[in-house]
Amino acid sequence: MNKFFARENLLKSGFYNIPRVIVDNEQSSCKKTALRARILSYFYQKVYFAKGEVTFNGRRYVCFRGEFIASQRELAEYFNLDRQQWTRIM
């Protein structure tokens, strides 16, 4: 048995569960659908799975499970969009 798939290794390292429809839509021929799927996939990867503290712009915030703290400007830059496009897509 491959040790990579051992239960202990999976529990020690993190993993996330993304709905199959999002993964399938990332390969869509429609650019807008593919972009939305990439954005949702990014959110699934970055959200917090437990309560913790985050420092953002010099201030401390408490983050609960399922939350993600970022500015819309940063997210728009990450996906190579301007602010108006980001607002329209979201």
C-alpha atoms as a PDB file:
ATOM      1  CA  MET A   1       0.000   0.000   0.000  1.00  0.00           C
ATOM      2  CA  ASN A   2       1.244   3.451  -0.886  1.00  0.00           C
ATOM      3  CA  LYS A   3       2.133   5.339   2.299  1.00  0.00           C
ATOM      4  CA  PHE A   4       0.915   8.632   0.823  1.00  0.00           C
ATOM      5  CA  PHE A   5      -2.692   7.466   1.113  1.00  0.00           C
ATOM      6  CA  ALA A   6      -2.360   6.130   4.663  1.00  0.00           C
ATOM      7  CA  ARG A   7      -4.975   7.529   7.034  1.00  0.00           C
ATOM      8  CA  GLU A   8      -2.332   8.928   9.385  1.00  0.00           C
ATOM      9  CA  ASN A   9      -0.748  10.976   6.588  1.00  0.00           C
ATOM     10  CA  LEU A  10      -4.113  12.372   5.522  1.00  0.00           C
ATOM     11  CA  LEU A  11      -4.955  13.370   9.086  1.00  0.00           C
ATOM     12  CA  LYS A  12      -1.584  15.034   9.661  1.00  0.00           C
ATOM     13  CA  SER A  13      -1.805  17.086   6.480  1.00  0.00           C
ATOM     14  CA  GLY A  14      -4.742  19.272   5.575  1.00  0.00           C
ATOM     15  CA  PHE A  15      -7.250  18.583   2.852  1.00  0.00           C
ATOM     16  CA  TYR A  16     -10.384  20.277   1.570  1.00  0.00           C
ATOM     17  CA  ASN A  17     -13.518  19.072  -0.138  1.00  0.00           C
ATOM     18  CA  ILE A  18     -14.575  20.944  -3.285  1.00  0.00           C
ATOM     19  CA  PRO A  19     -17.902  20.096  -4.932  1.00  0.00           C
ATOM     20  CA  ARG A  20     -17.461  18.231  -8.225  1.00  0.00           C
ATOM     21  CA  VAL A  21     -19.465  20.833 -10.178  1.00  0.00           C
ATOM     22  CA  ILE A  22     -16.879  23.512  -9.337  1.00  0.00           C
ATOM     23  CA  VAL A  23     -14.005  21.312 -10.486  1.00  0.00           C
ATOM     24  CA  ASP A  24     -15.863  20.484 -13.712  1.00  0.00           C
ATOM     25  CA  ASN A  25     -16.724  24.134 -14.376  1.00  0.00           C
ATOM     26  CA  GLU A  26     -13.046  25.147 -14.154  1.00  0.00           C
ATOM     27  CA  GLN A  27     -12.607  23.404 -17.532  1.00  0.00           C
ATOM     28  CA  SER A  28     -15.667  25.109 -19.072  1.00  0.00           C
ATOM     29  CA  SER A  29     -15.423  26.717 -22.509  1.00  0.00           C
ATOM     30  CA  CYS A  30     -17.362  29.736 -21.184  1.00  0.00           C
ATOM     31  CA  LYS A  31     -14.779  32.117 -19.733  1.00  0.00           C
ATOM     32  CA  LYS A  32     -17.155  33.628 -17.173  1.00  0.00           C
ATOM     33  CA  THR A  33     -18.190  30.200 -15.827  1.00  0.00           C
ATOM     34  CA  ALA A  34     -14.558  29.080 -15.635  1.00  0.00           C
ATOM     35  CA  LEU A  35     -13.593  32.279 -13.803  1.00  0.00           C
ATOM     36  CA  ARG A  36     -16.406  31.872 -11.268  1.00  0.00           C
ATOM     37  CA  ALA A  37     -15.325  28.271 -10.675  1.00  0.00           C
ATOM     38  CA  ARG A  38     -11.701  29.387 -10.135  1.00  0.00           C
ATOM     39  CA  ILE A  39     -12.865  32.018  -7.641  1.00  0.00           C
ATOM     40  CA  LEU A  40     -14.994  29.519  -5.698  1.00  0.00           C
ATOM     41  CA  SER A  41     -12.151  27.001  -5.712  1.00  0.00           C
ATOM     42  CA  TYR A  42      -9.813  29.684  -4.330  1.00  0.00           C
ATOM     43  CA  PHE A  43     -12.316  30.442  -1.555  1.00  0.00           C
ATOM     44  CA  TYR A  44     -12.604  26.754  -0.657  1.00  0.00           C
ATOM     45  CA  GLN A  45      -8.807  26.570  -0.374  1.00  0.00           C
ATOM     46  CA  LYS A  46      -8.372  29.715   1.711  1.00  0.00           C
ATOM     47  CA  VAL A  47     -11.274  29.680   4.201  1.00  0.00           C
ATOM     48  CA  TYR A  48     -10.458  28.880   7.802  1.00  0.00           C
ATOM     49  CA  PHE A  49     -11.407  25.473   9.154  1.00  0.00           C
ATOM     50  CA  ALA A  50     -11.215  26.465  12.818  1.00  0.00           C
ATOM     51  CA  LYS A  51     -11.353  29.600  14.944  1.00  0.00           C
ATOM     52  CA  GLY A  52      -8.209  31.693  14.755  1.00  0.00           C
ATOM     53  CA  GLU A  53      -6.843  35.224  14.669  1.00  0.00           C
ATOM     54  CA  VAL A  54      -5.847  37.122  11.537  1.00  0.00           C
ATOM     55  CA  THR A  55      -3.885  40.363  11.214  1.00  0.00           C
ATOM     56  CA  PHE A  56      -5.157  42.469   8.320  1.00  0.00           C
ATOM     57  CA  ASN A  57      -4.077  46.088   7.715  1.00  0.00           C
ATOM     58  CA  GLY A  58      -2.525  46.226  11.184  1.00  0.00           C
ATOM     59  CA  ARG A  59      -5.730  45.164  12.943  1.00  0.00           C
ATOM     60  CA  ARG A  60      -6.475  41.822  14.535  1.00  0.00           C
ATOM     61  CA  TYR A  61      -9.638  39.964  13.570  1.00  0.00           C
ATOM     62  CA  VAL A  62     -11.128  36.761  14.897  1.00  0.00           C
ATOM     63  CA  CYS A  63     -11.868  34.337  12.070  1.00  0.00           C
ATOM     64  CA  PHE A  64     -14.376  31.536  12.548  1.00  0.00           C
ATOM     65  CA  ARG A  65     -14.838  28.376  10.529  1.00  0.00           C
ATOM     66  CA  GLY A  66     -15.770  29.143   6.920  1.00  0.00           C
ATOM     67  CA  GLU A  67     -14.607  32.765   6.973  1.00  0.00           C
ATOM     68  CA  PHE A  68     -11.963  34.434   4.843  1.00  0.00           C
ATOM     69  CA  ILE A  69     -10.674  37.977   5.341  1.00  0.00           C
ATOM     70  CA  ALA A  70      -9.313  39.851   2.337  1.00  0.00           C
ATOM     71  CA  SER A  71      -9.985  43.073   0.488  1.00  0.00           C
ATOM     72  CA  GLN A  72     -11.852  43.060  -2.798  1.00  0.00           C
ATOM     73  CA  ARG A  73      -8.980  44.963  -4.381  1.00  0.00           C
ATOM     74  CA  GLU A  74      -6.519  42.188  -3.479  1.00  0.00           C
ATOM     75  CA  LEU A  75      -8.836  39.510  -4.825  1.00  0.00           C
ATOM     76  CA  ALA A  76      -9.416  41.434  -8.052  1.00  0.00           C
ATOM     77  CA  GLU A  77      -5.650  41.780  -8.541  1.00  0.00           C
ATOM     78  CA  TYR A  78      -5.116  38.064  -7.838  1.00  0.00           C
ATOM     79  CA  PHE A  79      -7.557  37.130 -10.617  1.00  0.00           C
ATOM     80  CA  ASN A  80      -6.283  39.879 -12.985  1.00  0.00           C
ATOM     81  CA  LEU A  81      -9.554  41.815 -12.944  1.00  0.00           C
ATOM     82  CA  ASP A  82     -10.344  45.439 -12.342  1.00  0.00           C
ATOM     83  CA  ARG A  83     -12.580  46.414  -9.438  1.00  0.00           C
ATOM     84  CA  GLN A  84     -15.731  46.856 -11.569  1.00  0.00           C
ATOM     85  CA  GLN A  85     -15.377  43.426 -13.164  1.00  0.00           C
ATOM     86  CA  TRP A  86     -14.874  41.868  -9.745  1.00  0.00           C
ATOM     87  CA  THR A  87     -18.013  43.529  -8.390  1.00  0.00           C
ATOM     88  CA  ARG A  88     -20.014  42.409 -11.427  1.00  0.00           C
ATOM     89  CA  ILE A  89     -18.895  38.784 -11.120  1.00  0.00           C
ATOM     90  CA  MET A  90     -19.481  38.601  -7.390  1.00  0.00           C
END
